[in-house]
Protein backbone atom coordinates (compact mmCIF):
# COMPACT_ATOMS: atom_id res chain seq x y z
CA MET A 1 40.54 -99.79 76.51
CA ALA A 2 41.37 -98.08 73.14
CA ARG A 3 41.42 -94.45 72.93
CA TYR A 4 40.49 -92.77 69.53
CA ASP A 5 40.12 -89.47 68.26
CA LEU A 6 36.49 -89.53 67.69
CA ILE A 7 33.65 -92.07 68.03
CA ILE A 8 30.36 -91.75 66.20
CA ARG A 9 27.85 -93.64 68.43
CA GLY A 10 24.48 -95.17 67.57
CA GLY A 11 23.77 -94.08 64.17
CA ARG A 12 22.54 -95.92 61.07
CA LEU A 13 25.59 -97.05 59.30
CA LEU A 14 25.50 -97.27 55.78
CA ASP A 15 28.23 -99.04 53.73
CA PRO A 16 27.26 -99.71 50.06
CA GLU A 17 30.08 -102.13 49.38
CA THR A 18 29.48 -104.61 52.14
CA GLY A 19 25.66 -103.89 52.19
CA LEU A 20 25.93 -102.79 55.91
CA ASP A 21 22.67 -101.10 56.94
CA ALA A 22 22.36 -101.42 60.79
CA VAL A 23 22.72 -99.39 64.05
CA GLY A 24 26.30 -99.09 65.41
CA ASP A 25 29.40 -96.97 66.06
CA VAL A 26 32.33 -95.76 64.02
CA ALA A 27 35.67 -95.09 65.63
CA ILE A 28 38.24 -92.75 63.88
CA ARG A 29 42.05 -92.31 64.52
CA ASP A 30 44.68 -90.29 62.69
CA GLY A 31 42.28 -89.59 59.77
CA ARG A 32 41.32 -93.19 59.40
CA ILE A 33 38.32 -95.40 60.26
CA GLU A 34 39.60 -97.75 62.87
CA ALA A 35 36.40 -99.86 63.77
CA VAL A 36 32.87 -100.13 62.68
CA GLY A 37 30.16 -101.91 64.55
CA ARG A 38 29.93 -102.02 68.33
CA VAL A 39 33.08 -100.10 69.65
CA GLU A 40 34.40 -100.29 72.97
CA GLY A 41 36.66 -97.61 74.42
CA GLU A 42 37.00 -93.97 74.84
CA ALA A 43 37.59 -91.03 72.41
CA ALA A 44 38.50 -87.41 72.85
CA ARG A 45 35.19 -86.54 71.07
CA VAL A 46 31.90 -88.41 70.81
CA ILE A 47 29.23 -87.56 68.16
CA GLU A 48 25.76 -88.97 69.36
CA ALA A 49 24.22 -90.07 65.93
CA ALA A 50 20.94 -91.91 67.34
CA GLY A 51 18.44 -91.46 64.59
CA LEU A 52 20.88 -90.16 62.13
CA ALA A 53 22.45 -91.85 58.98
CA VAL A 54 26.13 -92.42 59.15
CA ALA A 55 27.70 -92.86 55.56
CA PRO A 56 30.79 -92.36 53.60
CA GLY A 57 31.26 -88.72 52.30
CA PHE A 58 30.09 -88.07 48.90
CA ILE A 59 32.36 -87.88 46.00
CA ASP A 60 31.71 -85.43 43.26
CA LEU A 61 33.42 -86.32 39.81
CA HIS A 62 32.36 -83.23 38.11
CA ALA A 63 32.94 -79.89 40.22
CA HIS A 64 34.26 -76.80 38.43
CA GLY A 65 34.21 -74.51 41.51
CA GLN A 66 37.47 -75.59 42.96
CA SER A 67 37.75 -73.01 45.61
CA ILE A 68 37.18 -72.48 49.33
CA PRO A 69 33.83 -70.74 48.58
CA ALA A 70 32.59 -73.70 46.42
CA ASP A 71 33.95 -76.21 48.95
CA ARG A 72 31.96 -74.74 51.78
CA MET A 73 28.66 -75.04 49.80
CA GLN A 74 29.39 -78.49 48.82
CA ALA A 75 30.20 -79.61 52.22
CA PHE A 76 26.60 -79.00 53.33
CA ASP A 77 25.72 -80.97 50.33
CA GLY A 78 27.65 -83.80 51.96
CA VAL A 79 30.53 -83.77 49.43
CA THR A 80 33.91 -84.66 50.94
CA THR A 81 35.86 -84.97 47.71
CA SER A 82 35.52 -82.51 44.95
CA LEU A 83 37.11 -83.41 41.58
CA GLU A 84 37.51 -81.19 38.34
CA LEU A 85 37.38 -84.09 35.66
CA GLU A 86 35.28 -83.14 32.61
CA VAL A 87 37.45 -80.06 31.76
CA GLY A 88 40.34 -80.52 33.91
CA VAL A 89 43.33 -77.94 34.16
CA LEU A 90 46.78 -77.11 32.70
CA PRO A 91 49.46 -77.00 33.97
CA VAL A 92 48.54 -79.67 36.31
CA GLY A 93 51.53 -79.72 38.71
CA ALA A 94 51.22 -75.94 39.37
CA TRP A 95 47.48 -76.21 40.10
CA TYR A 96 48.06 -78.97 42.81
CA GLU A 97 50.65 -76.70 44.07
CA ALA A 98 48.35 -73.72 44.40
CA GLN A 99 45.60 -75.67 46.02
CA ALA A 100 48.03 -77.02 48.75
CA GLN A 101 49.40 -73.65 49.35
CA GLY A 102 46.02 -72.00 49.81
CA GLY A 103 44.53 -74.92 51.54
CA ARG A 104 41.23 -76.60 50.72
CA VAL A 105 38.25 -77.52 52.87
CA LEU A 106 37.37 -80.77 50.73
CA ASN A 107 39.61 -83.35 49.07
CA TYR A 108 40.54 -82.03 45.63
CA GLY A 109 41.85 -83.25 42.28
CA THR A 110 41.83 -82.71 38.53
CA ALA A 111 42.16 -84.29 35.09
CA VAL A 112 44.32 -83.02 32.49
CA ALA A 113 42.72 -80.50 30.19
CA TRP A 114 42.85 -81.70 26.71
CA VAL A 115 41.09 -78.72 25.31
CA PHE A 116 43.41 -76.44 27.05
CA ALA A 117 46.33 -78.27 25.46
CA ARG A 118 44.40 -77.87 22.09
CA ILE A 119 44.05 -73.96 22.53
CA ALA A 120 47.95 -73.76 23.33
CA ALA A 121 48.87 -75.75 20.40
CA MET A 122 46.65 -73.93 17.90
CA THR A 123 46.60 -70.40 19.08
CA GLY A 124 49.81 -69.92 21.03
CA LEU A 125 47.67 -68.88 24.35
CA GLU A 126 49.23 -70.49 27.40
CA PRO A 127 46.70 -72.18 29.57
CA GLU A 128 45.29 -70.49 32.63
CA PRO A 129 43.67 -72.87 35.36
CA ASP A 130 40.23 -71.81 35.47
CA LEU A 131 36.92 -72.70 33.46
CA GLY A 132 36.70 -69.13 32.07
CA PHE A 133 39.94 -69.80 29.92
CA MET A 134 37.92 -71.57 27.27
CA GLY A 135 35.44 -68.70 26.83
CA ARG A 136 38.21 -65.91 26.59
CA ALA A 137 40.00 -68.14 24.06
CA MET A 138 36.90 -68.06 21.82
CA ARG A 139 38.39 -64.65 20.25
CA ASP A 140 40.39 -67.12 18.01
CA LYS A 141 37.95 -70.00 17.29
CA ARG A 142 40.27 -71.99 15.12
CA TRP A 143 40.91 -74.40 18.11
CA ALA A 144 36.94 -75.01 18.40
CA ASP A 145 36.10 -75.17 14.70
CA SER A 146 39.25 -76.72 12.84
CA VAL A 147 41.02 -79.98 12.39
CA ALA A 148 44.47 -79.59 13.79
CA SER A 149 47.55 -80.24 11.72
CA ASP A 150 49.86 -83.25 12.36
CA ALA A 151 52.25 -80.87 14.31
CA GLU A 152 49.55 -79.29 16.39
CA VAL A 153 48.24 -82.75 17.24
CA ALA A 154 51.64 -83.86 18.44
CA GLU A 155 51.91 -80.80 20.54
CA VAL A 156 48.44 -81.53 22.07
CA LEU A 157 49.54 -84.99 22.94
CA ARG A 158 52.76 -83.72 24.39
CA ARG A 159 50.99 -81.39 26.82
CA VAL A 160 48.58 -84.02 27.86
CA ARG A 161 51.22 -86.50 28.68
CA GLU A 162 53.16 -83.98 30.57
CA GLY A 163 49.82 -83.42 32.61
CA LEU A 164 49.46 -87.09 33.29
CA ASP A 165 53.15 -87.29 34.47
CA GLU A 166 52.40 -84.53 36.90
CA GLY A 167 49.62 -86.48 38.53
CA GLY A 168 46.23 -85.72 36.58
CA ILE A 169 43.76 -88.45 37.22
CA GLY A 170 42.61 -88.90 33.67
CA ILE A 171 41.78 -86.83 30.71
CA GLY A 172 39.27 -84.11 30.41
CA LEU A 173 37.57 -84.50 27.06
CA PRO A 174 34.93 -81.74 26.51
CA ASN A 175 34.57 -82.55 22.72
CA ALA A 176 31.39 -80.38 22.47
CA TYR A 177 33.36 -77.28 23.05
CA ALA A 178 35.74 -78.29 20.13
CA PRO A 179 33.32 -79.92 17.66
CA GLY A 180 35.74 -79.28 14.70
CA THR A 181 38.26 -81.87 16.17
CA GLY A 182 39.20 -84.56 13.93
CA VAL A 183 38.37 -88.11 14.88
CA LYS A 184 42.07 -89.14 14.35
CA GLU A 185 43.00 -86.73 16.94
CA MET A 186 40.34 -87.89 19.25
CA SER A 187 41.29 -91.60 18.66
CA LEU A 188 44.87 -90.69 19.56
CA ILE A 189 43.98 -89.13 22.82
CA CYS A 190 41.73 -91.93 23.74
CA SER A 191 44.64 -94.48 22.94
CA LEU A 192 47.04 -92.41 25.19
CA ALA A 193 44.24 -92.85 27.94
CA ALA A 194 44.05 -96.55 27.35
CA ASP A 195 48.05 -96.79 27.36
CA ARG A 196 48.22 -94.96 30.62
CA GLY A 197 45.29 -96.83 32.24
CA VAL A 198 43.26 -93.53 32.91
CA PRO A 199 39.71 -92.61 31.98
CA THR A 200 38.53 -89.87 29.69
CA TYR A 201 35.73 -87.70 31.15
CA THR A 202 33.66 -86.80 28.06
CA HIS A 203 31.27 -84.22 27.08
CA VAL A 204 30.10 -85.80 23.99
CA ALA A 205 30.68 -84.03 20.56
CA TYR A 206 27.10 -82.85 19.82
CA MET A 207 24.13 -81.94 21.84
CA SER A 208 21.21 -82.10 19.49
CA ASN A 209 17.85 -83.79 18.93
CA VAL A 210 18.36 -83.96 15.02
CA ASP A 211 20.74 -85.41 12.52
CA PRO A 212 23.40 -84.75 11.35
CA MET A 213 25.59 -84.09 14.41
CA SER A 214 22.98 -85.42 16.79
CA SER A 215 23.56 -86.51 20.47
CA ILE A 216 23.00 -90.07 19.03
CA GLU A 217 25.76 -89.70 16.65
CA ALA A 218 27.81 -88.32 19.44
CA TYR A 219 27.17 -91.34 21.72
CA THR A 220 27.77 -93.87 18.67
CA ARG A 221 31.15 -92.20 18.01
CA LEU A 222 31.94 -92.50 21.87
CA ILE A 223 31.25 -96.19 21.89
CA GLY A 224 33.37 -96.50 18.90
CA TYR A 225 36.26 -94.94 20.57
CA ALA A 226 35.91 -97.32 23.50
CA GLY A 227 35.71 -100.22 21.34
CA SER A 228 38.56 -99.29 19.02
CA THR A 229 41.12 -97.88 21.62
CA GLY A 230 40.18 -99.81 24.87
CA ALA A 231 39.76 -96.51 26.56
CA HIS A 232 37.48 -96.14 29.60
CA MET A 233 34.87 -93.37 28.33
CA HIS A 234 33.18 -91.74 31.14
CA ILE A 235 30.08 -90.04 30.06
CA CYS A 236 29.78 -86.52 31.74
CA HIS A 237 26.12 -85.16 32.69
CA PHE A 238 24.24 -87.95 30.71
CA ASN A 239 21.08 -85.86 30.94
CA SER A 240 21.92 -82.67 29.60
CA THR A 241 23.95 -83.91 26.51
CA SER A 242 21.32 -86.43 25.58
CA LEU A 243 18.39 -83.76 25.49
CA LEU A 244 15.18 -85.41 24.50
CA ASP A 245 16.89 -88.37 23.20
CA VAL A 246 18.11 -89.78 26.19
CA GLU A 247 16.12 -92.91 26.20
CA ARG A 248 17.77 -94.08 22.97
CA ALA A 249 21.00 -93.02 24.17
CA ALA A 250 20.68 -95.13 27.39
CA GLN A 251 19.81 -97.95 25.10
CA LEU A 252 23.00 -97.49 23.05
CA VAL A 253 25.27 -97.15 26.16
CA ARG A 254 23.70 -100.28 27.92
CA LYS A 255 24.17 -102.41 25.09
CA ALA A 256 27.88 -101.42 24.63
CA GLN A 257 28.28 -102.00 28.44
CA ASP A 258 26.76 -105.45 28.01
CA GLN A 259 29.32 -106.09 25.40
CA GLY A 260 32.19 -105.40 27.99
CA LEU A 261 33.15 -101.93 26.74
CA LYS A 262 34.54 -99.65 29.52
CA ILE A 263 31.79 -96.94 29.62
CA THR A 264 30.47 -95.24 32.72
CA VAL A 265 27.97 -92.45 33.15
CA GLU A 266 27.10 -89.64 35.69
CA ALA A 267 24.08 -87.28 35.75
CA TYR A 268 22.59 -84.36 37.94
CA PRO A 269 19.05 -83.99 39.14
CA TYR A 270 18.15 -80.91 37.33
CA GLY A 271 16.66 -80.02 33.80
CA SER A 272 18.92 -77.04 33.64
CA GLY A 273 22.59 -76.99 33.02
CA SER A 274 25.27 -74.19 33.01
CA THR A 275 28.32 -73.40 30.90
CA VAL A 276 30.21 -70.36 29.39
CA LEU A 277 28.51 -67.92 27.07
CA GLY A 278 31.01 -68.47 24.37
CA ALA A 279 29.98 -72.18 23.96
CA VAL A 280 29.74 -72.65 20.22
CA PHE A 281 26.28 -74.62 20.19
CA PHE A 282 24.44 -71.55 21.49
CA SER A 283 25.52 -69.39 18.28
CA ASP A 284 24.39 -72.43 15.80
CA PRO A 285 21.75 -70.82 13.56
CA ALA A 286 19.71 -74.03 14.07
CA PHE A 287 19.91 -73.95 17.75
CA PRO A 288 16.32 -73.94 18.43
CA GLU A 289 15.56 -76.89 15.99
CA ARG A 290 18.56 -78.82 17.29
CA THR A 291 17.65 -78.45 21.14
CA GLY A 292 14.08 -78.12 20.87
CA ARG A 293 14.25 -74.80 22.97
CA ASP A 294 14.32 -71.21 22.11
CA TYR A 295 16.80 -68.63 22.95
CA GLY A 296 15.01 -67.76 26.06
CA ALA A 297 16.24 -70.86 27.58
CA VAL A 298 19.74 -69.38 27.70
CA GLN A 299 20.06 -67.28 30.81
CA MET A 300 22.81 -65.12 32.17
CA VAL A 301 23.91 -66.25 35.72
CA ASP A 302 25.08 -62.67 36.82
CA SER A 303 21.97 -60.84 35.93
CA GLY A 304 19.14 -63.39 35.23
CA HIS A 305 18.65 -62.06 31.84
CA ARG A 306 17.05 -64.49 29.13
CA PHE A 307 17.93 -63.76 25.59
CA ARG A 308 15.44 -62.75 23.11
CA ASP A 309 16.98 -63.95 19.82
CA ARG A 310 20.22 -65.36 18.33
CA GLU A 311 21.35 -61.75 17.35
CA GLU A 312 21.46 -60.44 20.83
CA LEU A 313 23.02 -63.76 22.12
CA VAL A 314 25.94 -63.63 19.51
CA ALA A 315 26.35 -59.88 20.33
CA ALA A 316 26.78 -60.81 24.03
CA GLN A 317 29.22 -63.49 23.02
CA GLU A 318 31.50 -61.13 21.27
CA GLN A 319 31.70 -58.88 24.47
CA ASN A 320 31.73 -61.44 27.32
CA PRO A 321 32.41 -64.96 26.17
CA GLY A 322 33.60 -66.14 29.41
CA SER A 323 30.46 -65.24 31.20
CA LEU A 324 28.44 -68.03 32.95
CA VAL A 325 24.98 -68.90 31.64
CA LEU A 326 22.19 -71.44 32.42
CA PHE A 327 20.54 -73.59 29.81
CA HIS A 328 17.25 -74.75 30.59
CA PHE A 329 17.00 -77.95 28.26
CA LEU A 330 14.10 -79.57 30.10
CA ASP A 331 11.16 -78.09 31.78
CA VAL A 332 10.66 -80.68 34.56
CA GLU A 333 8.28 -78.53 36.62
CA VAL A 334 5.67 -78.30 33.74
CA GLU A 335 6.13 -81.30 31.40
CA PRO A 336 5.69 -84.67 33.04
CA LYS A 337 7.62 -86.26 29.96
CA HIS A 338 10.50 -84.24 30.64
CA ARG A 339 10.51 -85.52 34.19
CA ASP A 340 10.33 -89.01 32.84
CA LEU A 341 13.55 -88.15 30.61
CA LEU A 342 15.23 -86.96 33.59
CA ASP A 343 14.70 -89.86 35.46
CA VAL A 344 16.36 -92.20 32.61
CA SER A 345 19.74 -90.50 33.33
CA ILE A 346 19.34 -90.20 37.03
CA LEU A 347 18.06 -93.82 37.52
CA TYR A 348 20.64 -95.27 35.05
CA PRO A 349 21.84 -98.56 36.71
CA ASP A 350 25.24 -98.17 38.28
CA GLY A 351 25.42 -94.42 37.37
CA ALA A 352 26.85 -91.94 39.37
CA ILE A 353 25.39 -88.76 40.76
CA ALA A 354 27.71 -85.67 39.88
CA SER A 355 26.95 -82.13 40.33
CA ASP A 356 28.60 -80.09 37.51
CA ALA A 357 28.95 -77.47 40.11
CA MET A 358 29.88 -74.23 38.62
CA PRO A 359 32.18 -71.30 40.07
CA TRP A 360 30.47 -68.65 42.27
CA THR A 361 30.38 -65.35 40.44
CA MET A 362 29.74 -61.74 41.17
CA PRO A 363 27.44 -59.24 39.32
CA ASP A 364 30.54 -58.00 37.47
CA GLY A 365 30.98 -61.53 36.15
CA GLY A 366 34.24 -62.04 38.25
CA VAL A 367 34.54 -65.39 40.11
CA TYR A 368 34.35 -65.07 43.74
CA THR A 369 37.26 -66.66 45.87
CA GLY A 370 36.97 -64.67 48.98
CA ASP A 371 36.67 -65.98 52.56
CA ALA A 372 33.18 -64.53 53.55
CA TRP A 373 30.71 -66.85 55.14
CA PRO A 374 27.76 -67.08 54.28
CA LEU A 375 28.80 -66.20 50.77
CA PRO A 376 27.81 -62.57 49.61
CA ALA A 377 24.16 -62.29 48.96
CA GLU A 378 25.02 -61.22 45.45
CA ALA A 379 27.08 -64.36 44.55
CA SER A 380 25.48 -66.72 41.99
CA SER A 381 26.12 -70.05 40.25
CA HIS A 382 23.54 -72.87 39.73
CA PRO A 383 21.37 -74.60 42.26
CA ARG A 384 23.40 -77.68 41.59
CA SER A 385 26.53 -75.91 43.01
CA SER A 386 24.58 -76.04 46.26
CA GLY A 387 22.19 -79.01 46.30
CA THR A 388 22.87 -81.79 43.97
CA PHE A 389 23.28 -84.72 46.36
CA THR A 390 20.74 -83.71 48.96
CA ARG A 391 18.18 -82.97 46.06
CA PHE A 392 18.74 -86.32 44.65
CA LEU A 393 18.33 -88.11 47.94
CA ARG A 394 15.56 -86.10 49.18
CA GLN A 395 13.41 -86.32 45.78
CA TRP A 396 14.40 -89.61 44.20
CA VAL A 397 15.25 -91.76 47.35
CA ILE A 398 13.24 -90.41 50.40
CA ASP A 399 10.20 -89.03 48.86
CA ARG A 400 9.66 -90.85 45.59
CA GLN A 401 11.46 -94.13 46.96
CA THR A 402 12.85 -95.30 43.58
CA MET A 403 15.50 -97.17 45.31
CA SER A 404 16.56 -97.59 49.03
CA LEU A 405 18.64 -95.34 51.06
CA LEU A 406 21.62 -97.60 50.75
CA GLU A 407 21.45 -97.77 46.97
CA GLY A 408 21.06 -93.91 46.91
CA VAL A 409 24.24 -93.52 48.90
CA ARG A 410 25.98 -95.80 46.52
CA LYS A 411 25.39 -93.62 43.74
CA CYS A 412 26.97 -90.84 45.54
CA THR A 413 29.89 -92.68 46.93
CA LEU A 414 31.06 -96.19 46.07
CA ILE A 415 30.13 -95.77 42.25
CA PRO A 416 32.28 -92.78 41.81
CA ALA A 417 35.00 -94.25 43.90
CA GLN A 418 35.08 -97.44 41.63
CA ILE A 419 35.09 -95.33 38.43
CA LEU A 420 38.57 -94.03 39.70
CA GLU A 421 40.07 -96.62 41.66
CA GLU A 422 41.73 -98.57 38.90
CA SER A 423 43.79 -95.60 37.81
CA THR A 424 43.94 -93.73 41.16
CA PRO A 425 44.41 -96.47 43.88
CA GLN A 426 44.01 -93.94 46.77
CA MET A 427 40.21 -93.88 45.91
CA ARG A 428 39.92 -97.50 47.14
CA ARG A 429 39.97 -96.01 50.63
CA LYS A 430 37.01 -93.65 49.66
CA GLY A 431 33.39 -94.17 49.28
CA ARG A 432 33.36 -96.92 52.05
CA LEU A 433 32.62 -96.88 55.61
CA GLN A 434 35.12 -99.68 56.70
CA PRO A 435 38.26 -100.11 58.69
CA GLY A 436 41.27 -98.61 56.95
CA CYS A 437 39.39 -96.37 54.97
CA ASP A 438 39.77 -92.49 54.87
CA ALA A 439 37.52 -90.90 57.61
CA ASP A 440 35.48 -88.87 54.92
CA ILE A 441 32.10 -89.26 56.67
CA VAL A 442 28.82 -87.55 56.65
CA VAL A 443 26.29 -87.73 59.45
CA PHE A 444 22.72 -86.71 58.24
CA ASP A 445 19.25 -86.38 59.15
CA ALA A 446 17.06 -88.23 56.54
CA GLY A 447 13.96 -86.49 57.79
CA THR A 448 15.10 -83.12 57.38
CA LEU A 449 17.66 -83.38 54.52
CA ILE A 450 16.74 -81.04 51.74
CA ASP A 451 18.24 -78.65 48.93
CA ARG A 452 17.25 -75.07 49.53
CA ALA A 453 18.88 -73.50 46.29
CA ASP A 454 16.66 -72.53 43.39
CA PHE A 455 17.13 -70.28 40.40
CA LYS A 456 16.11 -67.10 42.35
CA ALA A 457 18.32 -67.86 45.41
CA MET A 458 21.26 -70.00 44.30
CA ASN A 459 23.56 -69.77 47.31
CA ARG A 460 21.28 -71.13 50.00
CA PRO A 461 23.09 -74.22 51.68
CA ALA A 462 21.42 -77.46 51.79
CA GLU A 463 20.09 -78.60 55.19
CA GLY A 464 20.25 -81.87 56.93
CA MET A 465 23.96 -82.53 57.16
CA ARG A 466 24.66 -82.59 60.98
CA HIS A 467 28.35 -83.39 60.51
CA VAL A 468 30.79 -83.54 57.71
CA LEU A 469 34.17 -85.08 58.36
CA VAL A 470 37.11 -84.77 55.96
CA ASN A 471 40.08 -87.00 56.78
CA GLY A 472 38.66 -87.18 60.49
CA GLN A 473 38.33 -83.57 60.93
CA SER A 474 35.09 -81.67 61.18
CA VAL A 475 34.11 -79.21 58.50
CA ILE A 476 30.55 -79.11 59.74
CA ARG A 477 29.84 -79.78 63.31
CA ASP A 478 26.13 -79.78 64.80
CA GLY A 479 25.09 -78.30 61.61
CA GLU A 480 27.43 -75.31 61.57
CA LEU A 481 30.45 -74.62 59.28
CA ASP A 482 33.81 -74.42 60.89
CA PRO A 483 35.17 -71.48 58.75
CA ALA A 484 38.84 -72.20 59.77
CA ALA A 485 38.79 -75.95 58.49
CA ARG A 486 41.13 -76.74 55.74
CA PRO A 487 41.58 -80.41 56.05
CA GLY A 488 41.32 -81.23 52.21
CA ARG A 489 44.10 -83.44 50.67
CA PRO A 490 45.13 -84.03 47.09
CA VAL A 491 43.62 -86.94 44.99
CA ARG A 492 46.50 -87.60 42.56
CA ARG A 493 48.17 -90.19 40.55
């Protein structure tokens, strides 16, 4: 009789790659799945999963938190692998070393931060490995507004190559934060990505409903980069960058995919985004016309304050450009048409769900990286940092039944794994409930699964995850967090 570390017995097994949707068992040994189906034998521990769903752990391609507090909140959302891909970090090697030294709850990884390389090449500032670095660098805006010289482009490329050599899993390409970047530089970065066989994770250049410099122009440009360089262009937060033009954007992207171009998409199930206050598109004098929203749609995360006008917003940018803000780009609770527009991105065929989870901040604007659990009551972020995947499954899959549970799980697991696995082979062992795969597993109650965070209480954990395993170790057991758990391992090329 075989002896395993753990057996999950009698759950509804969901494996989106094989189409498995049946009651059975899962056996785990040494951090890997050993058997799936009817498992004979004993184990050091047994989880009785009758009436519960058993699925691969969710893979978040777009998570900026990258800390123990952020990991804990995402674990209750079913996430077992949390990746910083849209922006990335520099220096890459030092970041991975710091994560390993401090320990992580979830599996972790990063892309190379092209925009950090651009800041360094054009301003002389050495990169700091956190999202606020972009905001702090806005005091010298040439990197955001200007075309780089040939020598500066060469330095950008050198730093990006170095990051890839150190294991970065692609290139973060938030073009919207540096809209002055020349097409020649962008094409060279995309060619580098194609040569190295890694994706670019792209925040398209413009976020606007009107020409010139509309979202449609930005998507057309992205499609051109894919066609002319052969790069895999992954579109981050398809919903927020498309605004009210998401239907047309989806038509263009689908046509490009049908023609064989390497383009993939992700979206999050909210009509509100979050970023740094210093983002250049907020200070555009035509902001209301271009986005269809007034300045009251921009809200400070730490205080909840909504801006009255452009003058107040620009003054705040001068004082605290790195502060986090919310941008309510759709009003899905009031406007039925806005909910339909959100559906276009969330239900996009073969699109991934990804959170764009933000760091947890305190009232003074500082990022919280402490060890307290529950998180301090005053810690704030964005509800998507707490409940993206549970919200998607609850509202779109379980309640509205826009797709089967197996297909919903696929958008959270297999699709993100497949986006990465060509360039990062270890992802072939994730997003699947099969022998030989990593034992990143969630056991949840579909009947009680729900996101609880909202814009008044952002740090309420989701409910319904009964067990969350990362590399075979329990992070959540019987619905309770193990504060000492640090089983996360690096995802690295």
